Amino acid sequence: MSADRVFLVDSDVFITAKNLYYAFDICPGFWKSLLHHHQAGRVYSIDRVRGELLAGSKTEDLVRWVRSEVPQEFFLPVDTASVASSYTDIMMWVQRHPRYFDYAKAKFATGADGWLVAYARVHGAVVVTNEQSAPESRREVKLPDLCARFRVRHENTFAMLRALKVQFDQTGDH
């Protein structure tokens, strides 16, 4: 394992963290660690994920965090020829795949997942997602399955945190 891997975080990681185990009021260290490792050049996402995150209510913690705390450079642009070409390959594979229902293909075409895999594929990054592989799924194109098909490494949130050597440690009588 390379010590200098770059991680691209999927929107489900942010949303699940906010809703469950790393809620802003429970574990602010999670959010600080993402920004810290971004500054170190290790953690990013893409502009399409930013769009998904900002679709929530303006008063929501996650939306406020993205708008006020996260530097614009955290969300990498996908509008390069090489990423677009890779995205086209991915879209063609999904659209031609007989397993997926038409609505699964349509939903995939409007989301960030294909762009995330395309960017990671071109730049050798690791996709971070909490989605579970479901190779027989007909209703949804799962990110781990897409990563496997296009030889893009993927890990879950906890594997990324371990690779970055993140520790949440609170001492004292709190």
C-alpha atoms as a PDB file:
ATOM      1  CA  MET A   1       0.000   0.000   0.000  1.00  0.00           C
ATOM      2  CA  SER A   2       1.346   3.359  -1.017  1.00  0.00           C
ATOM      3  CA  ALA A   3       1.579   5.900   1.769  1.00  0.00           C
ATOM      4  CA  ASP A   4       0.689   8.728  -0.588  1.00  0.00           C
ATOM      5  CA  ARG A   5      -2.608   7.473  -1.996  1.00  0.00           C
ATOM      6  CA  VAL A   6      -5.137  10.124  -2.930  1.00  0.00           C
ATOM      7  CA  PHE A   7      -8.699   9.472  -1.800  1.00  0.00           C
ATOM      8  CA  LEU A   8     -11.825  10.655  -3.653  1.00  0.00           C
ATOM      9  CA  VAL A   9     -14.804  10.716  -1.318  1.00  0.00           C
ATOM     10  CA  ASP A  10     -18.299   9.829  -2.536  1.00  0.00           C
ATOM     11  CA  SER A  11     -21.330  11.788  -1.343  1.00  0.00           C
ATOM     12  CA  ASP A  12     -22.653   8.795   0.629  1.00  0.00           C
ATOM     13  CA  VAL A  13     -19.610   9.017   2.922  1.00  0.00           C
ATOM     14  CA  PHE A  14     -20.418  12.613   3.866  1.00  0.00           C
ATOM     15  CA  ILE A  15     -24.149  11.961   4.216  1.00  0.00           C
ATOM     16  CA  THR A  16     -23.793   8.775   6.261  1.00  0.00           C
ATOM     17  CA  ALA A  17     -21.190  10.385   8.519  1.00  0.00           C
ATOM     18  CA  LYS A  18     -23.452  13.391   9.132  1.00  0.00           C
ATOM     19  CA  ASN A  19     -26.500  11.227   9.821  1.00  0.00           C
ATOM     20  CA  LEU A  20     -24.854   8.545  11.946  1.00  0.00           C
ATOM     21  CA  TYR A  21     -21.489   7.973  13.584  1.00  0.00           C
ATOM     22  CA  TYR A  22     -19.665  11.252  12.766  1.00  0.00           C
ATOM     23  CA  ALA A  23     -22.464  13.777  13.225  1.00  0.00           C
ATOM     24  CA  PHE A  24     -21.103  17.301  13.531  1.00  0.00           C
ATOM     25  CA  ASP A  25     -22.084  17.572  17.216  1.00  0.00           C
ATOM     26  CA  ILE A  26     -20.643  14.157  18.136  1.00  0.00           C
ATOM     27  CA  CYS A  27     -17.401  13.994  16.186  1.00  0.00           C
ATOM     28  CA  PRO A  28     -16.195  17.327  14.825  1.00  0.00           C
ATOM     29  CA  GLY A  29     -12.764  15.705  14.526  1.00  0.00           C
ATOM     30  CA  PHE A  30     -13.932  13.692  11.516  1.00  0.00           C
ATOM     31  CA  TRP A  31     -14.738  16.834   9.573  1.00  0.00           C
ATOM     32  CA  LYS A  32     -11.532  18.548  10.691  1.00  0.00           C
ATOM     33  CA  SER A  33      -9.510  15.500   9.651  1.00  0.00           C
ATOM     34  CA  LEU A  34     -10.978  15.584   6.135  1.00  0.00           C
ATOM     35  CA  LEU A  35      -9.909  19.211   5.749  1.00  0.00           C
ATOM     36  CA  HIS A  36      -6.502  18.529   7.313  1.00  0.00           C
ATOM     37  CA  HIS A  37      -5.779  15.661   4.927  1.00  0.00           C
ATOM     38  CA  HIS A  38      -7.100  17.700   2.041  1.00  0.00           C
ATOM     39  CA  GLN A  39      -4.519  20.377   2.885  1.00  0.00           C
ATOM     40  CA  ALA A  40      -1.903  17.598   2.854  1.00  0.00           C
ATOM     41  CA  GLY A  41      -3.040  16.634  -0.687  1.00  0.00           C
ATOM     42  CA  ARG A  42      -4.600  13.296   0.278  1.00  0.00           C
ATOM     43  CA  VAL A  43      -8.400  13.802   0.411  1.00  0.00           C
ATOM     44  CA  TYR A  44     -10.611  15.291  -2.277  1.00  0.00           C
ATOM     45  CA  SER A  45     -13.901  14.799  -3.990  1.00  0.00           C
ATOM     46  CA  ILE A  46     -15.242  16.052  -7.316  1.00  0.00           C
ATOM     47  CA  ASP A  47     -17.432  18.960  -8.321  1.00  0.00           C
ATOM     48  CA  ARG A  48     -20.359  16.630  -9.117  1.00  0.00           C
ATOM     49  CA  VAL A  49     -20.347  15.363  -5.521  1.00  0.00           C
ATOM     50  CA  ARG A  50     -20.369  18.962  -4.288  1.00  0.00           C
ATOM     51  CA  GLY A  51     -23.509  19.504  -6.338  1.00  0.00           C
ATOM     52  CA  GLU A  52     -25.176  16.486  -4.722  1.00  0.00           C
ATOM     53  CA  LEU A  53     -24.237  17.685  -1.240  1.00  0.00           C
ATOM     54  CA  LEU A  54     -25.537  21.201  -1.834  1.00  0.00           C
ATOM     55  CA  ALA A  55     -28.923  19.837  -2.928  1.00  0.00           C
ATOM     56  CA  GLY A  56     -29.939  19.660   0.740  1.00  0.00           C
ATOM     57  CA  SER A  57     -31.553  22.395   2.796  1.00  0.00           C
ATOM     58  CA  LYS A  58     -29.423  25.512   3.307  1.00  0.00           C
ATOM     59  CA  THR A  59     -29.848  25.136   7.071  1.00  0.00           C
ATOM     60  CA  GLU A  60     -28.542  21.555   7.129  1.00  0.00           C
ATOM     61  CA  ASP A  61     -25.167  21.046   8.867  1.00  0.00           C
ATOM     62  CA  LEU A  62     -23.582  19.353   5.867  1.00  0.00           C
ATOM     63  CA  VAL A  63     -24.653  22.057   3.422  1.00  0.00           C
ATOM     64  CA  ARG A  64     -23.407  24.776   5.757  1.00  0.00           C
ATOM     65  CA  TRP A  65     -20.078  22.943   6.198  1.00  0.00           C
ATOM     66  CA  VAL A  66     -19.544  22.573   2.441  1.00  0.00           C
ATOM     67  CA  ARG A  67     -20.428  26.226   1.827  1.00  0.00           C
ATOM     68  CA  SER A  68     -18.446  27.798   4.664  1.00  0.00           C
ATOM     69  CA  GLU A  69     -15.598  25.465   5.642  1.00  0.00           C
ATOM     70  CA  VAL A  70     -14.589  23.415   2.624  1.00  0.00           C
ATOM     71  CA  PRO A  71     -12.234  25.128   0.188  1.00  0.00           C
ATOM     72  CA  GLN A  72     -13.377  25.107  -3.431  1.00  0.00           C
ATOM     73  CA  GLU A  73     -10.202  23.157  -4.372  1.00  0.00           C
ATOM     74  CA  PHE A  74     -11.470  20.198  -2.306  1.00  0.00           C
ATOM     75  CA  PHE A  75     -13.902  19.466  -5.147  1.00  0.00           C
ATOM     76  CA  LEU A  76     -11.889  18.706  -8.262  1.00  0.00           C
ATOM     77  CA  PRO A  77     -13.301  19.622 -11.670  1.00  0.00           C
ATOM     78  CA  VAL A  78     -14.121  16.761 -14.003  1.00  0.00           C
ATOM     79  CA  ASP A  79     -14.207  18.836 -17.190  1.00  0.00           C
ATOM     80  CA  THR A  80     -11.005  17.543 -18.748  1.00  0.00           C
ATOM     81  CA  ALA A  81     -10.744  15.592 -21.990  1.00  0.00           C
ATOM     82  CA  SER A  82      -9.183  12.555 -20.307  1.00  0.00           C
ATOM     83  CA  VAL A  83     -11.848  12.336 -17.590  1.00  0.00           C
ATOM     84  CA  ALA A  84     -14.638  12.913 -20.120  1.00  0.00           C
ATOM     85  CA  SER A  85     -13.257  10.129 -22.308  1.00  0.00           C
ATOM     86  CA  SER A  86     -13.120   7.749 -19.351  1.00  0.00           C
ATOM     87  CA  TYR A  87     -16.645   8.771 -18.341  1.00  0.00           C
ATOM     88  CA  THR A  88     -17.852   7.979 -21.861  1.00  0.00           C
ATOM     89  CA  ASP A  89     -16.376   4.458 -21.565  1.00  0.00           C
ATOM     90  CA  ILE A  90     -18.144   3.986 -18.237  1.00  0.00           C
ATOM     91  CA  MET A  91     -21.477   5.313 -19.500  1.00  0.00           C
ATOM     92  CA  MET A  92     -21.316   3.121 -22.601  1.00  0.00           C
ATOM     93  CA  TRP A  93     -20.692   0.049 -20.442  1.00  0.00           C
ATOM     94  CA  VAL A  94     -23.595   0.863 -18.100  1.00  0.00           C
ATOM     95  CA  GLN A  95     -26.011   1.727 -20.919  1.00  0.00           C
ATOM     96  CA  ARG A  96     -25.167  -1.448 -22.851  1.00  0.00           C
ATOM     97  CA  HIS A  97     -25.273  -3.732 -19.831  1.00  0.00           C
ATOM     98  CA  PRO A  98     -28.360  -5.972 -20.109  1.00  0.00           C
ATOM     99  CA  ARG A  99     -28.564  -6.603 -16.357  1.00  0.00           C
ATOM    100  CA  TYR A 100     -29.595  -3.087 -15.305  1.00  0.00           C
ATOM    101  CA  PHE A 101     -33.176  -1.870 -15.578  1.00  0.00           C
ATOM    102  CA  ASP A 102     -33.674   1.267 -17.671  1.00  0.00           C
ATOM    103  CA  TYR A 103     -34.486   3.367 -14.599  1.00  0.00           C
ATOM    104  CA  ALA A 104     -31.203   2.249 -12.982  1.00  0.00           C
ATOM    105  CA  LYS A 105     -29.329   3.397 -16.086  1.00  0.00           C
ATOM    106  CA  ALA A 106     -31.194   6.714 -16.110  1.00  0.00           C
ATOM    107  CA  LYS A 107     -30.511   7.337 -12.418  1.00  0.00           C
ATOM    108  CA  PHE A 108     -26.841   6.509 -12.906  1.00  0.00           C
ATOM    109  CA  ALA A 109     -26.580   8.951 -15.818  1.00  0.00           C
ATOM    110  CA  THR A 110     -27.687  11.850 -13.600  1.00  0.00           C
ATOM    111  CA  GLY A 111     -25.456  11.065 -10.605  1.00  0.00           C
ATOM    112  CA  ALA A 112     -21.830  11.648  -9.685  1.00  0.00           C
ATOM    113  CA  ASP A 113     -20.692   8.006  -9.439  1.00  0.00           C
ATOM    114  CA  GLY A 114     -19.614   7.619 -13.051  1.00  0.00           C
ATOM    115  CA  TRP A 115     -17.636  10.849 -12.888  1.00  0.00           C
ATOM    116  CA  LEU A 116     -16.018   9.781  -9.619  1.00  0.00           C
ATOM    117  CA  VAL A 117     -14.822   6.497 -11.124  1.00  0.00           C
ATOM    118  CA  ALA A 118     -13.705   8.237 -14.326  1.00  0.00           C
ATOM    119  CA  TYR A 119     -11.618  10.761 -12.379  1.00  0.00           C
ATOM    120  CA  ALA A 120     -10.112   8.067 -10.146  1.00  0.00           C
ATOM    121  CA  ARG A 121      -9.363   5.885 -13.162  1.00  0.00           C
ATOM    122  CA  VAL A 122      -7.508   8.673 -14.974  1.00  0.00           C
ATOM    123  CA  HIS A 123      -5.621   9.948 -11.929  1.00  0.00           C
ATOM    124  CA  GLY A 124      -4.972   6.696 -10.028  1.00  0.00           C
ATOM    125  CA  ALA A 125      -7.013   7.733  -6.990  1.00  0.00           C
ATOM    126  CA  VAL A 126      -8.918   5.545  -4.527  1.00  0.00           C
ATOM    127  CA  VAL A 127     -12.701   5.922  -4.429  1.00  0.00           C
ATOM    128  CA  VAL A 128     -14.082   6.034  -0.889  1.00  0.00           C
ATOM    129  CA  THR A 129     -17.648   4.797  -0.550  1.00  0.00           C
ATOM    130  CA  ASN A 130     -19.811   3.015   1.977  1.00  0.00           C
ATOM    131  CA  GLU A 131     -21.787   1.248  -0.741  1.00  0.00           C
ATOM    132  CA  GLN A 132     -21.617  -2.523  -0.756  1.00  0.00           C
ATOM    133  CA  SER A 133     -20.975  -4.588  -3.837  1.00  0.00           C
ATOM    134  CA  ALA A 134     -24.086  -6.132  -5.371  1.00  0.00           C
ATOM    135  CA  PRO A 135     -23.017  -7.574  -8.728  1.00  0.00           C
ATOM    136  CA  GLU A 136     -26.443  -9.106  -9.362  1.00  0.00           C
ATOM    137  CA  SER A 137     -28.323  -5.858  -8.734  1.00  0.00           C
ATOM    138  CA  ARG A 138     -30.672  -4.839 -11.515  1.00  0.00           C
ATOM    139  CA  ARG A 139     -32.136  -1.780  -9.788  1.00  0.00           C
ATOM    140  CA  GLU A 140     -28.933   0.142  -9.098  1.00  0.00           C
ATOM    141  CA  VAL A 141     -25.387   0.431 -10.436  1.00  0.00           C
ATOM    142  CA  LYS A 142     -23.270  -0.035  -7.321  1.00  0.00           C
ATOM    143  CA  LEU A 143     -20.074   1.981  -7.032  1.00  0.00           C
ATOM    144  CA  PRO A 144     -17.868  -0.928  -5.844  1.00  0.00           C
ATOM    145  CA  ASP A 145     -18.979  -3.006  -8.837  1.00  0.00           C
ATOM    146  CA  LEU A 146     -18.241  -0.147 -11.208  1.00  0.00           C
ATOM    147  CA  CYS A 147     -14.824   0.320  -9.617  1.00  0.00           C
ATOM    148  CA  ALA A 148     -14.070  -3.392  -9.978  1.00  0.00           C
ATOM    149  CA  ARG A 149     -15.113  -3.384 -13.635  1.00  0.00           C
ATOM    150  CA  PHE A 150     -12.823  -0.444 -14.449  1.00  0.00           C
ATOM    151  CA  ARG A 151      -9.950  -1.517 -12.173  1.00  0.00           C
ATOM    152  CA  VAL A 152     -10.282   1.432  -9.802  1.00  0.00           C
ATOM    153  CA  ARG A 153      -9.385   0.813  -6.196  1.00  0.00           C
ATOM    154  CA  HIS A 154     -12.157   1.495  -3.682  1.00  0.00           C
ATOM    155  CA  GLU A 155     -12.280   1.467   0.101  1.00  0.00           C
ATOM    156  CA  ASN A 156     -14.741   2.344   2.819  1.00  0.00           C
ATOM    157  CA  THR A 157     -14.527   5.290   5.204  1.00  0.00           C
ATOM    158  CA  PHE A 158     -12.786   3.314   7.940  1.00  0.00           C
ATOM    159  CA  ALA A 159     -10.073   1.988   5.610  1.00  0.00           C
ATOM    160  CA  MET A 160      -9.380   5.552   4.456  1.00  0.00           C
ATOM    161  CA  LEU A 161      -9.179   6.819   8.042  1.00  0.00           C
ATOM    162  CA  ARG A 162      -6.760   4.000   8.952  1.00  0.00           C
ATOM    163  CA  ALA A 163      -4.602   4.668   5.894  1.00  0.00           C
ATOM    164  CA  LEU A 164      -4.457   8.339   6.883  1.00  0.00           C
ATOM    165  CA  LYS A 165      -3.694   7.324  10.496  1.00  0.00           C
ATOM    166  CA  VAL A 166      -6.611   9.384  11.797  1.00  0.00           C
ATOM    167  CA  GLN A 167      -7.406   9.009  15.493  1.00  0.00           C
ATOM    168  CA  PHE A 168     -10.275  10.638  17.333  1.00  0.00           C
ATOM    169  CA  ASP A 169      -9.161  11.048  20.911  1.00  0.00           C
ATOM    170  CA  GLN A 170     -10.993  13.004  23.555  1.00  0.00           C
ATOM    171  CA  THR A 171      -9.486  13.237  26.977  1.00  0.00           C
ATOM    172  CA  GLY A 172     -10.798  14.843  30.106  1.00  0.00           C
ATOM    173  CA  ASP A 173     -14.117  14.809  31.912  1.00  0.00           C
ATOM    174  CA  HIS A 174     -16.456  15.500  29.051  1.00  0.00           C
END
